[in-house]
C-alpha atoms as a PDB file:
ATOM      1  CA  MET A   1      -0.004   0.014   0.011  1.00  0.00           C
ATOM      2  CA  ARG A   2       2.811   2.386   0.869  1.00  0.00           C
ATOM      3  CA  ARG A   3       4.504   1.624  -2.450  1.00  0.00           C
ATOM      4  CA  ALA A   4       1.282   2.451  -4.268  1.00  0.00           C
ATOM      5  CA  LEU A   5       1.017   5.813  -2.521  1.00  0.00           C
ATOM      6  CA  VAL A   6       4.618   6.626  -3.432  1.00  0.00           C
ATOM      7  CA  LEU A   7       3.941   5.706  -7.072  1.00  0.00           C
ATOM      8  CA  LEU A   8       0.837   7.907  -7.227  1.00  0.00           C
ATOM      9  CA  ALA A   9       2.766  10.842  -5.786  1.00  0.00           C
ATOM     10  CA  ALA A  10       5.463  10.456  -8.424  1.00  0.00           C
ATOM     11  CA  VAL A  11       2.891  10.431 -11.208  1.00  0.00           C
ATOM     12  CA  GLY A  12       1.335  13.624  -9.817  1.00  0.00           C
ATOM     13  CA  LEU A  13       4.695  15.385  -9.792  1.00  0.00           C
ATOM     14  CA  LEU A  14       5.336  14.423 -13.402  1.00  0.00           C
ATOM     15  CA  THR A  15       1.928  15.688 -14.468  1.00  0.00           C
ATOM     16  CA  SER A  16       2.547  19.016 -12.739  1.00  0.00           C
ATOM     17  CA  ALA A  17       5.877  19.426 -14.524  1.00  0.00           C
ATOM     18  CA  CYS A  18       4.368  18.875 -17.968  1.00  0.00           C
ATOM     19  CA  GLY A  19       1.413  21.290 -17.733  1.00  0.00           C
ATOM     20  CA  SER A  20      -0.748  23.534 -15.630  1.00  0.00           C
ATOM     21  CA  GLY A  21      -4.477  23.791 -14.944  1.00  0.00           C
ATOM     22  CA  THR A  22      -6.843  20.996 -14.384  1.00  0.00           C
ATOM     23  CA  GLU A  23      -6.921  20.028 -18.066  1.00  0.00           C
ATOM     24  CA  GLY A  24      -3.091  20.139 -18.590  1.00  0.00           C
ATOM     25  CA  THR A  25      -3.161  22.779 -21.470  1.00  0.00           C
ATOM     26  CA  PRO A  26       0.316  24.127 -22.568  1.00  0.00           C
ATOM     27  CA  THR A  27       1.394  27.526 -21.226  1.00  0.00           C
ATOM     28  CA  PRO A  28       1.886  30.041 -24.092  1.00  0.00           C
ATOM     29  CA  VAL A  29       5.505  31.179 -24.544  1.00  0.00           C
ATOM     30  CA  LYS A  30       5.932  34.930 -23.972  1.00  0.00           C
ATOM     31  CA  GLN A  31       7.212  36.579 -27.182  1.00  0.00           C
ATOM     32  CA  ALA A  32      10.360  38.779 -26.997  1.00  0.00           C
ATOM     33  CA  ARG A  33       9.917  42.428 -28.083  1.00  0.00           C
ATOM     34  CA  THR A  34      11.741  43.157 -31.365  1.00  0.00           C
ATOM     35  CA  THR A  35      12.918  46.438 -32.873  1.00  0.00           C
ATOM     36  CA  LYS A  36      11.832  46.943 -36.476  1.00  0.00           C
ATOM     37  CA  THR A  37      14.636  47.975 -38.802  1.00  0.00           C
ATOM     38  CA  SER A  38      15.069  48.130 -42.532  1.00  0.00           C
ATOM     39  CA  THR A  39      17.541  45.197 -42.528  1.00  0.00           C
ATOM     40  CA  SER A  40      17.424  41.582 -41.519  1.00  0.00           C
ATOM     41  CA  HIS A  41      20.463  41.845 -39.300  1.00  0.00           C
ATOM     42  CA  ALA A  42      19.996  42.129 -35.536  1.00  0.00           C
ATOM     43  CA  PRO A  43      21.255  43.291 -33.190  1.00  0.00           C
ATOM     44  CA  PHE A  44      22.606  46.553 -34.677  1.00  0.00           C
ATOM     45  CA  HIS A  45      26.387  46.515 -34.887  1.00  0.00           C
ATOM     46  CA  GLY A  46      27.193  49.585 -36.979  1.00  0.00           C
ATOM     47  CA  GLU A  47      27.701  53.342 -36.546  1.00  0.00           C
ATOM     48  CA  ARG A  48      24.963  55.714 -35.576  1.00  0.00           C
ATOM     49  CA  LEU A  49      25.006  59.053 -37.411  1.00  0.00           C
ATOM     50  CA  ASP A  50      24.262  62.411 -35.784  1.00  0.00           C
ATOM     51  CA  ASP A  51      21.491  64.499 -37.283  1.00  0.00           C
ATOM     52  CA  GLY A  52      22.721  66.312 -40.391  1.00  0.00           C
ATOM     53  CA  GLU A  53      25.714  64.038 -40.829  1.00  0.00           C
ATOM     54  CA  VAL A  54      26.137  62.816 -44.426  1.00  0.00           C
ATOM     55  CA  VAL A  55      28.328  59.940 -45.550  1.00  0.00           C
ATOM     56  CA  LYS A  56      29.215  58.475 -48.961  1.00  0.00           C
ATOM     57  CA  VAL A  57      28.642  54.719 -49.201  1.00  0.00           C
ATOM     58  CA  ASP A  58      29.338  51.913 -51.654  1.00  0.00           C
ATOM     59  CA  LYS A  59      25.938  50.157 -51.325  1.00  0.00           C
ATOM     60  CA  LEU A  60      22.415  50.854 -50.248  1.00  0.00           C
ATOM     61  CA  ASP A  61      21.068  47.487 -49.097  1.00  0.00           C
ATOM     62  CA  GLY A  62      18.108  46.820 -46.858  1.00  0.00           C
ATOM     63  CA  ILE A  63      16.230  49.928 -47.874  1.00  0.00           C
ATOM     64  CA  ARG A  64      13.287  50.398 -50.196  1.00  0.00           C
ATOM     65  CA  LEU A  65      14.202  53.037 -52.785  1.00  0.00           C
ATOM     66  CA  GLU A  66      11.901  54.803 -55.193  1.00  0.00           C
ATOM     67  CA  SER A  67      12.660  56.758 -58.364  1.00  0.00           C
ATOM     68  CA  PRO A  68      11.443  60.333 -58.738  1.00  0.00           C
ATOM     69  CA  GLU A  69       9.418  61.413 -61.729  1.00  0.00           C
ATOM     70  CA  ASP A  70      12.066  63.935 -62.658  1.00  0.00           C
ATOM     71  CA  GLY A  71      15.310  63.817 -60.666  1.00  0.00           C
ATOM     72  CA  ARG A  72      17.388  66.147 -62.891  1.00  0.00           C
ATOM     73  CA  LEU A  73      19.522  68.941 -61.417  1.00  0.00           C
ATOM     74  CA  ARG A  74      21.696  71.184 -63.613  1.00  0.00           C
ATOM     75  CA  SER A  75      24.510  73.633 -63.071  1.00  0.00           C
ATOM     76  CA  TYR A  76      27.504  75.050 -64.938  1.00  0.00           C
ATOM     77  CA  GLN A  77      28.745  72.234 -67.245  1.00  0.00           C
ATOM     78  CA  VAL A  78      27.369  69.645 -64.796  1.00  0.00           C
ATOM     79  CA  ALA A  79      24.357  67.319 -64.985  1.00  0.00           C
ATOM     80  CA  VAL A  80      23.161  65.512 -61.874  1.00  0.00           C
ATOM     81  CA  GLU A  81      20.218  63.137 -61.640  1.00  0.00           C
ATOM     82  CA  VAL A  82      18.649  61.752 -58.465  1.00  0.00           C
ATOM     83  CA  THR A  83      17.926  58.213 -59.608  1.00  0.00           C
ATOM     84  CA  ASP A  84      16.692  56.787 -56.289  1.00  0.00           C
ATOM     85  CA  PHE A  85      15.859  57.927 -52.768  1.00  0.00           C
ATOM     86  CA  GLY A  86      14.249  56.475 -49.630  1.00  0.00           C
ATOM     87  CA  SER A  87      14.335  56.367 -45.829  1.00  0.00           C
ATOM     88  CA  ALA A  88      15.162  53.676 -43.234  1.00  0.00           C
ATOM     89  CA  ASP A  89      16.317  53.177 -39.660  1.00  0.00           C
ATOM     90  CA  VAL A  90      19.345  51.120 -40.698  1.00  0.00           C
ATOM     91  CA  VAL A  91      21.198  50.820 -44.015  1.00  0.00           C
ATOM     92  CA  GLU A  92      23.611  48.104 -45.085  1.00  0.00           C
ATOM     93  CA  VAL A  93      26.457  49.858 -46.943  1.00  0.00           C
ATOM     94  CA  GLY A  94      28.740  46.880 -47.751  1.00  0.00           C
ATOM     95  CA  ALA A  95      31.709  45.134 -46.095  1.00  0.00           C
ATOM     96  CA  ASP A  96      29.416  44.124 -43.209  1.00  0.00           C
ATOM     97  CA  GLN A  97      29.077  47.780 -42.268  1.00  0.00           C
ATOM     98  CA  GLN A  98      25.822  49.370 -41.145  1.00  0.00           C
ATOM     99  CA  TYR A  99      24.732  52.946 -40.523  1.00  0.00           C
ATOM    100  CA  GLY A 100      21.875  53.686 -38.212  1.00  0.00           C
ATOM    101  CA  ALA A 101      19.998  56.725 -36.900  1.00  0.00           C
ATOM    102  CA  ARG A 102      19.844  57.853 -33.296  1.00  0.00           C
ATOM    103  CA  ASP A 103      16.724  57.948 -31.179  1.00  0.00           C
ATOM    104  CA  ASP A 104      13.959  60.109 -32.679  1.00  0.00           C
ATOM    105  CA  SER A 105      15.785  60.189 -36.008  1.00  0.00           C
ATOM    106  CA  THR A 106      15.922  58.287 -39.297  1.00  0.00           C
ATOM    107  CA  LEU A 107      18.183  57.944 -42.355  1.00  0.00           C
ATOM    108  CA  ILE A 108      17.557  59.265 -45.853  1.00  0.00           C
ATOM    109  CA  ALA A 109      19.477  57.557 -48.603  1.00  0.00           C
ATOM    110  CA  PHE A 110      19.870  58.746 -52.216  1.00  0.00           C
ATOM    111  CA  ARG A 111      21.743  57.774 -55.362  1.00  0.00           C
ATOM    112  CA  LEU A 112      23.048  60.221 -57.953  1.00  0.00           C
ATOM    113  CA  ARG A 113      24.261  59.964 -61.539  1.00  0.00           C
ATOM    114  CA  VAL A 114      26.788  62.718 -62.230  1.00  0.00           C
ATOM    115  CA  THR A 115      28.280  63.887 -65.526  1.00  0.00           C
ATOM    116  CA  ALA A 116      30.749  66.734 -66.100  1.00  0.00           C
ATOM    117  CA  PHE A 117      31.029  68.398 -69.544  1.00  0.00           C
ATOM    118  CA  ALA A 118      34.256  70.204 -68.809  1.00  0.00           C
ATOM    119  CA  GLY A 119      37.342  69.449 -66.752  1.00  0.00           C
ATOM    120  CA  GLU A 120      38.404  70.783 -63.375  1.00  0.00           C
ATOM    121  CA  LEU A 121      34.953  71.772 -62.133  1.00  0.00           C
ATOM    122  CA  GLY A 122      35.482  70.540 -58.563  1.00  0.00           C
ATOM    123  CA  GLN A 123      36.370  74.008 -57.242  1.00  0.00           C
ATOM    124  CA  MET A 124      33.467  75.670 -59.081  1.00  0.00           C
ATOM    125  CA  VAL A 125      30.237  73.656 -58.744  1.00  0.00           C
ATOM    126  CA  LYS A 126      29.260  72.686 -55.186  1.00  0.00           C
ATOM    127  CA  ALA A 127      26.767  70.101 -53.931  1.00  0.00           C
ATOM    128  CA  THR A 128      25.297  70.058 -50.439  1.00  0.00           C
ATOM    129  CA  VAL A 129      22.480  68.452 -48.479  1.00  0.00           C
ATOM    130  CA  SER A 130      20.522  70.745 -46.221  1.00  0.00           C
ATOM    131  CA  VAL A 131      18.555  69.561 -43.164  1.00  0.00           C
ATOM    132  CA  ASP A 132      16.247  72.341 -41.939  1.00  0.00           C
ATOM    133  CA  GLY A 133      18.624  74.926 -43.348  1.00  0.00           C
ATOM    134  CA  ARG A 134      21.883  73.480 -42.064  1.00  0.00           C
ATOM    135  CA  GLN A 135      24.105  72.543 -45.021  1.00  0.00           C
ATOM    136  CA  ARG A 136      26.743  69.823 -45.319  1.00  0.00           C
ATOM    137  CA  SER A 137      28.885  69.206 -48.416  1.00  0.00           C
ATOM    138  CA  LEU A 138      28.526  65.904 -50.216  1.00  0.00           C
ATOM    139  CA  PRO A 139      31.773  63.990 -49.596  1.00  0.00           C
ATOM    140  CA  GLU A 140      33.915  63.359 -52.689  1.00  0.00           C
ATOM    141  CA  PHE A 141      31.457  65.057 -55.083  1.00  0.00           C
ATOM    142  CA  GLU A 142      34.224  67.333 -56.347  1.00  0.00           C
ATOM    143  CA  TYR A 143      36.192  64.293 -57.639  1.00  0.00           C
ATOM    144  CA  ALA A 144      33.140  63.098 -59.622  1.00  0.00           C
ATOM    145  CA  ILE A 145      33.135  66.392 -61.620  1.00  0.00           C
ATOM    146  CA  GLY A 146      36.897  66.575 -62.091  1.00  0.00           C
ATOM    147  CA  THR A 147      37.029  64.721 -65.419  1.00  0.00           C
ATOM    148  CA  GLU A 148      35.309  65.781 -68.627  1.00  0.00           C
ATOM    149  CA  ASP A 149      32.654  63.513 -70.206  1.00  0.00           C
ATOM    150  CA  GLU A 150      32.813  60.896 -67.472  1.00  0.00           C
ATOM    151  CA  ASP A 151      29.763  59.467 -65.710  1.00  0.00           C
ATOM    152  CA  SER A 152      29.866  58.615 -62.002  1.00  0.00           C
ATOM    153  CA  THR A 153      27.368  57.026 -59.621  1.00  0.00           C
ATOM    154  CA  LEU A 154      27.445  58.361 -56.067  1.00  0.00           C
ATOM    155  CA  GLN A 155      25.427  57.082 -53.064  1.00  0.00           C
ATOM    156  CA  TYR A 156      24.839  58.917 -49.787  1.00  0.00           C
ATOM    157  CA  VAL A 157      23.177  58.494 -46.428  1.00  0.00           C
ATOM    158  CA  VAL A 158      22.158  61.461 -44.235  1.00  0.00           C
ATOM    159  CA  ALA A 159      20.676  61.339 -40.737  1.00  0.00           C
ATOM    160  CA  VAL A 160      17.680  63.549 -40.082  1.00  0.00           C
ATOM    161  CA  PRO A 161      15.377  64.115 -37.059  1.00  0.00           C
ATOM    162  CA  ASN A 162      11.890  62.617 -37.259  1.00  0.00           C
ATOM    163  CA  ASP A 163      10.367  66.064 -36.932  1.00  0.00           C
ATOM    164  CA  ARG A 164      12.454  67.570 -39.775  1.00  0.00           C
ATOM    165  CA  ARG A 165      10.712  70.153 -41.942  1.00  0.00           C
ATOM    166  CA  GLU A 166      12.890  69.994 -45.099  1.00  0.00           C
ATOM    167  CA  VAL A 167      15.739  67.950 -46.466  1.00  0.00           C
ATOM    168  CA  GLU A 168      17.140  69.356 -49.714  1.00  0.00           C
ATOM    169  CA  LEU A 169      19.886  68.456 -52.117  1.00  0.00           C
ATOM    170  CA  GLU A 170      21.430  71.605 -53.546  1.00  0.00           C
ATOM    171  CA  LEU A 171      23.625  72.180 -56.606  1.00  0.00           C
ATOM    172  CA  LYS A 172      25.055  75.667 -56.900  1.00  0.00           C
ATOM    173  CA  TYR A 173      27.348  77.899 -58.915  1.00  0.00           C
ATOM    174  CA  ALA A 174      27.647  81.641 -59.505  1.00  0.00           C
ATOM    175  CA  GLY A 175      24.775  82.591 -57.294  1.00  0.00           C
ATOM    176  CA  LEU A 176      22.333  80.123 -58.875  1.00  0.00           C
ATOM    177  CA  ALA A 177      21.199  77.192 -56.717  1.00  0.00           C
ATOM    178  CA  GLN A 178      19.127  74.289 -57.978  1.00  0.00           C
ATOM    179  CA  THR A 179      17.377  72.260 -55.261  1.00  0.00           C
ATOM    180  CA  PHE A 180      15.718  68.862 -54.998  1.00  0.00           C
ATOM    181  CA  ASP A 181      13.386  67.941 -52.135  1.00  0.00           C
ATOM    182  CA  LEU A 182      14.523  64.549 -50.767  1.00  0.00           C
ATOM    183  CA  LEU A 183      11.310  64.180 -48.756  1.00  0.00           C
ATOM    184  CA  GLU A 184       8.881  64.766 -51.609  1.00  0.00           C
ATOM    185  CA  GLY A 185      11.094  63.622 -54.478  1.00  0.00           C
ATOM    186  CA  GLU A 186      10.807  66.714 -56.639  1.00  0.00           C
ATOM    187  CA  ARG A 187      12.817  69.719 -57.851  1.00  0.00           C
ATOM    188  CA  THR A 188      11.999  73.021 -56.091  1.00  0.00           C
ATOM    189  CA  GLY A 189      12.827  76.718 -56.311  1.00  0.00           C
ATOM    190  CA  GLU A 190      13.815  78.768 -59.333  1.00  0.00           C
ATOM    191  CA  GLN A 191      14.320  76.537 -62.403  1.00  0.00           C
ATOM    192  CA  PRO A 192      15.496  78.226 -65.615  1.00  0.00           C
ATOM    193  CA  ASP A 193      13.852  76.366 -68.463  1.00  0.00           C
ATOM    194  CA  LEU A 194      17.044  76.248 -70.515  1.00  0.00           C
ATOM    195  CA  LEU A 195      18.822  74.152 -67.877  1.00  0.00           C
ATOM    196  CA  TYR A 196      16.199  71.404 -68.309  1.00  0.00           C
ATOM    197  CA  ARG A 197      15.493  71.764 -72.039  1.00  0.00           C
ATOM    198  CA  SER A 198      17.761  68.777 -72.742  1.00  0.00           C
ATOM    199  CA  ASP A 199      17.344  65.421 -70.983  1.00  0.00           C
ATOM    200  CA  ASP A 200      21.111  64.972 -70.753  1.00  0.00           C
ATOM    201  CA  THR A 201      22.833  68.322 -70.597  1.00  0.00           C
ATOM    202  CA  PRO A 202      22.396  71.793 -69.084  1.00  0.00           C
ATOM    203  CA  PHE A 203      22.610  73.313 -72.589  1.00  0.00           C
ATOM    204  CA  VAL A 204      21.548  72.595 -76.198  1.00  0.00           C
ATOM    205  CA  TYR A 205      23.823  72.742 -79.226  1.00  0.00           C
ATOM    206  CA  VAL A 206      24.418  72.076 -82.899  1.00  0.00           C
ATOM    207  CA  GLU A 207      27.702  71.288 -84.620  1.00  0.00           C
ATOM    208  CA  ASN A 208      29.457  71.574 -88.031  1.00  0.00           C
ATOM    209  CA  LEU A 209      27.210  74.065 -89.788  1.00  0.00           C
ATOM    210  CA  THR A 210      27.468  75.049 -93.447  1.00  0.00           C
ATOM    211  CA  PRO A 211      30.391  77.507 -93.826  1.00  0.00           C
ATOM    212  CA  ALA A 212      29.835  81.074 -95.121  1.00  0.00           C
ATOM    213  CA  LYS A 213      32.195  83.260 -97.135  1.00  0.00           C
ATOM    214  CA  LEU A 214      32.846  86.975 -96.784  1.00  0.00           C
ATOM    215  CA  PRO A 215      34.462  88.371-100.011  1.00  0.00           C
ATOM    216  CA  VAL A 216      37.690  90.358 -99.371  1.00  0.00           C
ATOM    217  CA  GLN A 217      40.579  91.899-101.284  1.00  0.00           C
ATOM    218  CA  ASN A 218      43.937  93.432-100.415  1.00  0.00           C
ATOM    219  CA  ALA A 219      45.445  96.742-101.373  1.00  0.00           C
ATOM    220  CA  ASP A 220      46.495  95.293-104.745  1.00  0.00           C
ATOM    221  CA  ALA A 221      42.868  94.346-105.485  1.00  0.00           C
ATOM    222  CA  GLU A 222      43.707  90.638-105.189  1.00  0.00           C
ATOM    223  CA  ALA A 223      40.516  88.747-104.289  1.00  0.00           C
ATOM    224  CA  GLY A 224      39.806  86.128-101.694  1.00  0.00           C
ATOM    225  CA  ALA A 225      37.360  85.182 -98.979  1.00  0.00           C
ATOM    226  CA  TYR A 226      37.260  84.950 -95.208  1.00  0.00           C
ATOM    227  CA  VAL A 227      35.322  81.721 -94.492  1.00  0.00           C
ATOM    228  CA  VAL A 228      33.378  81.362 -91.219  1.00  0.00           C
ATOM    229  CA  SER A 229      33.158  77.631 -90.489  1.00  0.00           C
ATOM    230  CA  VAL A 230      31.007  77.177 -87.377  1.00  0.00           C
ATOM    231  CA  THR A 231      32.052  74.052 -85.499  1.00  0.00           C
ATOM    232  CA  ARG A 232      29.625  74.475 -82.616  1.00  0.00           C
ATOM    233  CA  ALA A 233      26.814  76.755 -81.511  1.00  0.00           C
ATOM    234  CA  GLU A 234      25.631  76.312 -77.910  1.00  0.00           C
ATOM    235  CA  LEU A 235      22.772  77.915 -76.058  1.00  0.00           C
ATOM    236  CA  THR A 236      23.650  77.995 -72.352  1.00  0.00           C
ATOM    237  CA  TYR A 237      22.632  79.767 -69.132  1.00  0.00           C
ATOM    238  CA  PHE A 238      26.255  80.315 -68.181  1.00  0.00           C
ATOM    239  CA  ALA A 239      28.664  82.572 -70.080  1.00  0.00           C
ATOM    240  CA  PRO A 240      31.830  80.946 -71.510  1.00  0.00           C
ATOM    241  CA  GLU A 241      34.182  83.304 -69.601  1.00  0.00           C
ATOM    242  CA  LEU A 242      33.854  82.556 -65.846  1.00  0.00           C
ATOM    243  CA  GLY A 243      30.301  81.272 -66.235  1.00  0.00           C
ATOM    244  CA  ASP A 244      28.474  84.590 -65.634  1.00  0.00           C
ATOM    245  CA  LEU A 245      24.668  84.477 -65.620  1.00  0.00           C
ATOM    246  CA  PRO A 246      22.714  86.522 -68.126  1.00  0.00           C
ATOM    247  CA  ALA A 247      21.541  89.946 -66.991  1.00  0.00           C
ATOM    248  CA  ASP A 248      17.894  88.929 -67.376  1.00  0.00           C
ATOM    249  CA  LYS A 249      16.370  85.595 -66.236  1.00  0.00           C
ATOM    250  CA  LYS A 250      14.616  85.344 -69.638  1.00  0.00           C
ATOM    251  CA  LYS A 251      17.920  85.545 -71.462  1.00  0.00           C
ATOM    252  CA  ALA A 252      20.716  83.085 -72.207  1.00  0.00           C
ATOM    253  CA  TRP A 253      24.088  82.975 -73.936  1.00  0.00           C
ATOM    254  CA  LEU A 254      24.516  81.810 -77.519  1.00  0.00           C
ATOM    255  CA  VAL A 255      28.176  80.802 -77.805  1.00  0.00           C
ATOM    256  CA  ILE A 256      29.473  80.224 -81.298  1.00  0.00           C
ATOM    257  CA  HIS A 257      32.826  78.633 -82.078  1.00  0.00           C
ATOM    258  CA  TYR A 258      34.181  78.931 -85.606  1.00  0.00           C
ATOM    259  CA  GLN A 259      37.334  78.155 -87.535  1.00  0.00           C
ATOM    260  CA  PRO A 260      38.708  80.938 -89.732  1.00  0.00           C
ATOM    261  CA  ILE A 261      39.500  79.579 -93.182  1.00  0.00           C
ATOM    262  CA  GLY A 262      40.952  81.563 -96.105  1.00  0.00           C
ATOM    263  CA  GLU A 263      40.507  81.377 -99.815  1.00  0.00           C
ATOM    264  CA  GLY A 264      42.396  83.178-102.568  1.00  0.00           C
ATOM    265  CA  VAL A 265      44.481  85.998-101.199  1.00  0.00           C
ATOM    266  CA  LEU A 266      43.782  84.879 -97.606  1.00  0.00           C
ATOM    267  CA  GLU A 267      44.817  81.285 -98.115  1.00  0.00           C
ATOM    268  CA  TYR A 268      48.600  81.559 -97.530  1.00  0.00           C
ATOM    269  CA  THR A 269      50.136  85.030 -97.313  1.00  0.00           C
ATOM    270  CA  PRO A 270      48.619  85.790 -94.887  1.00  0.00           C
ATOM    271  CA  ASP A 271      46.136  83.064 -94.043  1.00  0.00           C
ATOM    272  CA  ALA A 272      42.768  83.738 -92.401  1.00  0.00           C
ATOM    273  CA  GLY A 273      43.994  82.667 -89.011  1.00  0.00           C
ATOM    274  CA  ALA A 274      46.196  85.741 -88.901  1.00  0.00           C
ATOM    275  CA  CYS A 275      43.192  88.050 -89.233  1.00  0.00           C
ATOM    276  CA  VAL A 276      41.318  89.758 -86.420  1.00  0.00           C
ATOM    277  CA  PRO A 277      37.810  90.911 -87.425  1.00  0.00           C
ATOM    278  CA  PRO A 278      36.208  93.362 -84.943  1.00  0.00           C
ATOM    279  CA  PHE A 279      33.461  92.138 -82.682  1.00  0.00           C
ATOM    280  CA  THR A 280      31.158  94.696 -84.263  1.00  0.00           C
ATOM    281  CA  ALA A 281      31.341  92.642 -87.482  1.00  0.00           C
ATOM    282  CA  PHE A 282      29.145  89.943 -85.947  1.00  0.00           C
ATOM    283  CA  THR A 283      25.473  89.954 -85.045  1.00  0.00           C
ATOM    284  CA  VAL A 284      22.842  87.300 -84.387  1.00  0.00           C
ATOM    285  CA  ASN A 285      19.224  87.665 -85.365  1.00  0.00           C
ATOM    286  CA  ASP A 286      16.326  85.472 -84.096  1.00  0.00           C
ATOM    287  CA  GLY A 287      13.821  86.832 -86.598  1.00  0.00           C
ATOM    288  CA  THR A 288      12.763  89.692 -84.320  1.00  0.00           C
ATOM    289  CA  ALA A 289      15.906  91.596 -83.382  1.00  0.00           C
ATOM    290  CA  ASP A 290      19.686  91.844 -83.819  1.00  0.00           C
ATOM    291  CA  TYR A 291      21.970  90.945 -80.881  1.00  0.00           C
ATOM    292  CA  PRO A 292      25.583  92.163 -80.954  1.00  0.00           C
ATOM    293  CA  ALA A 293      28.555  90.101 -79.867  1.00  0.00           C
ATOM    294  CA  VAL A 294      29.504  90.722 -76.228  1.00  0.00           C
ATOM    295  CA  ASP A 295      33.231  91.495 -76.315  1.00  0.00           C
ATOM    296  CA  LYS A 296      34.128  90.439 -72.731  1.00  0.00           C
ATOM    297  CA  GLN A 297      32.606  87.017 -73.331  1.00  0.00           C
ATOM    298  CA  SER A 298      34.007  86.622 -76.852  1.00  0.00           C
ATOM    299  CA  LYS A 299      37.513  85.774 -77.952  1.00  0.00           C
ATOM    300  CA  VAL A 300      38.845  86.595 -81.430  1.00  0.00           C
ATOM    301  CA  GLU A 301      42.649  86.756 -81.747  1.00  0.00           C
ATOM    302  CA  ALA A 302      45.359  86.315 -84.308  1.00  0.00           C
ATOM    303  CA  PHE A 303      46.782  82.848 -85.042  1.00  0.00           C
ATOM    304  CA  ALA A 304      44.024  81.063 -83.087  1.00  0.00           C
ATOM    305  CA  SER A 305      42.732  77.888 -84.785  1.00  0.00           C
ATOM    306  CA  GLU A 306      39.268  78.582 -83.374  1.00  0.00           C
ATOM    307  CA  GLN A 307      37.472  81.813 -82.485  1.00  0.00           C
ATOM    308  CA  ARG A 308      34.633  82.336 -80.011  1.00  0.00           C
ATOM    309  CA  LEU A 309      31.654  84.691 -80.177  1.00  0.00           C
ATOM    310  CA  ALA A 310      29.044  85.167 -77.415  1.00  0.00           C
ATOM    311  CA  PHE A 311      25.656  86.791 -77.700  1.00  0.00           C
ATOM    312  CA  GLU A 312      23.018  87.467 -75.014  1.00  0.00           C
ATOM    313  CA  VAL A 313      19.775  86.252 -76.577  1.00  0.00           C
ATOM    314  CA  PRO A 314      16.247  85.126 -75.488  1.00  0.00           C
ATOM    315  CA  ALA A 315      16.449  81.864 -73.535  1.00  0.00           C
ATOM    316  CA  GLU A 316      13.699  80.226 -75.655  1.00  0.00           C
ATOM    317  CA  LEU A 317      15.764  80.698 -78.855  1.00  0.00           C
ATOM    318  CA  THR A 318      15.368  77.824 -81.335  1.00  0.00           C
ATOM    319  CA  SER A 319      16.660  79.327 -84.581  1.00  0.00           C
ATOM    320  CA  ALA A 320      19.070  82.144 -85.384  1.00  0.00           C
ATOM    321  CA  ARG A 321      21.171  83.640 -88.168  1.00  0.00           C
ATOM    322  CA  LEU A 322      24.787  84.666 -87.604  1.00  0.00           C
ATOM    323  CA  THR A 323      25.877  87.543 -89.872  1.00  0.00           C
ATOM    324  CA  MET A 324      29.388  88.798 -90.455  1.00  0.00           C
ATOM    325  CA  LYS A 325      29.484  92.213 -92.128  1.00  0.00           C
ATOM    326  CA  THR A 326      32.321  94.739 -91.970  1.00  0.00           C
ATOM    327  CA  PRO A 327      34.126  97.236 -94.231  1.00  0.00           C
ATOM    328  CA  GLY A 328      37.397  95.536 -93.443  1.00  0.00           C
ATOM    329  CA  PHE A 329      39.946  94.227 -90.945  1.00  0.00           C
ATOM    330  CA  ASN A 330      43.690  93.720 -90.507  1.00  0.00           C
ATOM    331  CA  CYS A 331      45.719  90.527 -90.826  1.00  0.00           C
ATOM    332  CA  THR A 332      49.199  90.061 -89.457  1.00  0.00           C
ATOM    333  CA  TYR A 333      51.985  89.224 -91.943  1.00  0.00           C
ATOM    334  CA  GLY A 334      55.720  89.473 -91.317  1.00  0.00           C
ATOM    335  CA  GLY A 335      55.039  91.279 -88.029  1.00  0.00           C
ATOM    336  CA  GLU A 336      53.023  93.996 -89.768  1.00  0.00           C
ATOM    337  CA  ALA A 337      49.277  94.670 -90.005  1.00  0.00           C
ATOM    338  CA  VAL A 338      48.007  94.170 -93.539  1.00  0.00           C
ATOM    339  CA  PRO A 339      44.620  95.759 -94.284  1.00  0.00           C
ATOM    340  CA  PHE A 340      41.863  93.974 -96.184  1.00  0.00           C
ATOM    341  CA  THR A 341      38.578  95.389 -97.400  1.00  0.00           C
ATOM    342  CA  ALA A 342      35.375  93.349 -97.337  1.00  0.00           C
ATOM    343  CA  THR A 343      32.129  93.505 -99.300  1.00  0.00           C
ATOM    344  CA  GLY A 344      28.757  91.929 -98.828  1.00  0.00           C
ATOM    345  CA  GLU A 345      28.159  89.647 -95.859  1.00  0.00           C
ATOM    346  CA  ALA A 346      28.505  86.066 -94.643  1.00  0.00           C
ATOM    347  CA  THR A 347      25.534  84.396 -93.025  1.00  0.00           C
ATOM    348  CA  VAL A 348      25.186  81.097 -91.140  1.00  0.00           C
ATOM    349  CA  ASP A 349      21.721  79.737 -90.202  1.00  0.00           C
ATOM    350  CA  MET A 350      21.275  77.429 -87.260  1.00  0.00           C
ATOM    351  CA  THR A 351      18.430  75.534 -85.606  1.00  0.00           C
ATOM    352  CA  LEU A 352      18.821  74.526 -81.991  1.00  0.00           C
ATOM    353  CA  PRO A 353      17.125  71.470 -80.422  1.00  0.00           C
ATOM    354  CA  GLU A 354      13.919  72.200 -78.547  1.00  0.00           C
ATOM    355  CA  ASP A 355      14.412  69.250 -76.175  1.00  0.00           C
END
């Protein structure tokens, strides 16, 4: 009997250990509280950024990015496009490295495609990200615009407070800033139409136009021609010399490069490259008015293989006629100025892309 009681007691202890309640139902396991992040790695083992701090990264993993409808930004000889942007608490940036935000903050990530159309622009065009008015430079952006005709992809992460009011990417040069709202995914502020007329560049242009001849003769009545061979005509918001802005927001610069070529008496002794026509010889007409060459933005000099003319014209210009007309000019030969007279005029028509 005693052995039976001991056996019953043992069975009772075993039943108590396996369950609770009179029916022996399992006790639910209490779930641990988890912190939601944008990555699958936990716990966090990276670096937390202070508000406003911006870093360049190699990758943007663990974050949902979206593409803006129009992410283009333009500046002097530089095209930038915001291809993707998004926000997260944690971002995987490669090499097992993470960046995270501090309490009451988050991260905004964005990817840029950058193209420079001239060399050595790093000290001229600046790029910053502004969090509620406080600006920070984009690390290494200046190197991306240091080489002409080279595309670069740059990726950044910036920490911002949860109660931020604005987060803007800014591209600026010569007093003109172009901004992109990284919260709303759209370009904001003043936006000169010409900067966005082309999908790829901050200017529009045509090349290798039909040459025009201006009849000339020397003091001995020997005939020839000064040939204006336009290699490129570019409509731009920034002047060729130091990138000055036009005086009026509705204006732009038409910059014409041409090669001086000689025929007849101007072919060899001297050749056309030794001649210096006055700036007053050149005008541009858009069908409504004549626009003179602006001397401080133009460059015509003896023995140059290419000359440059600049005109301040309406920004919406799509077609124009360049006219060269002058009573004469001097050409250098044997260290002396040799006069030539000119008759008639030389005209070059051009049509610029509308988009």
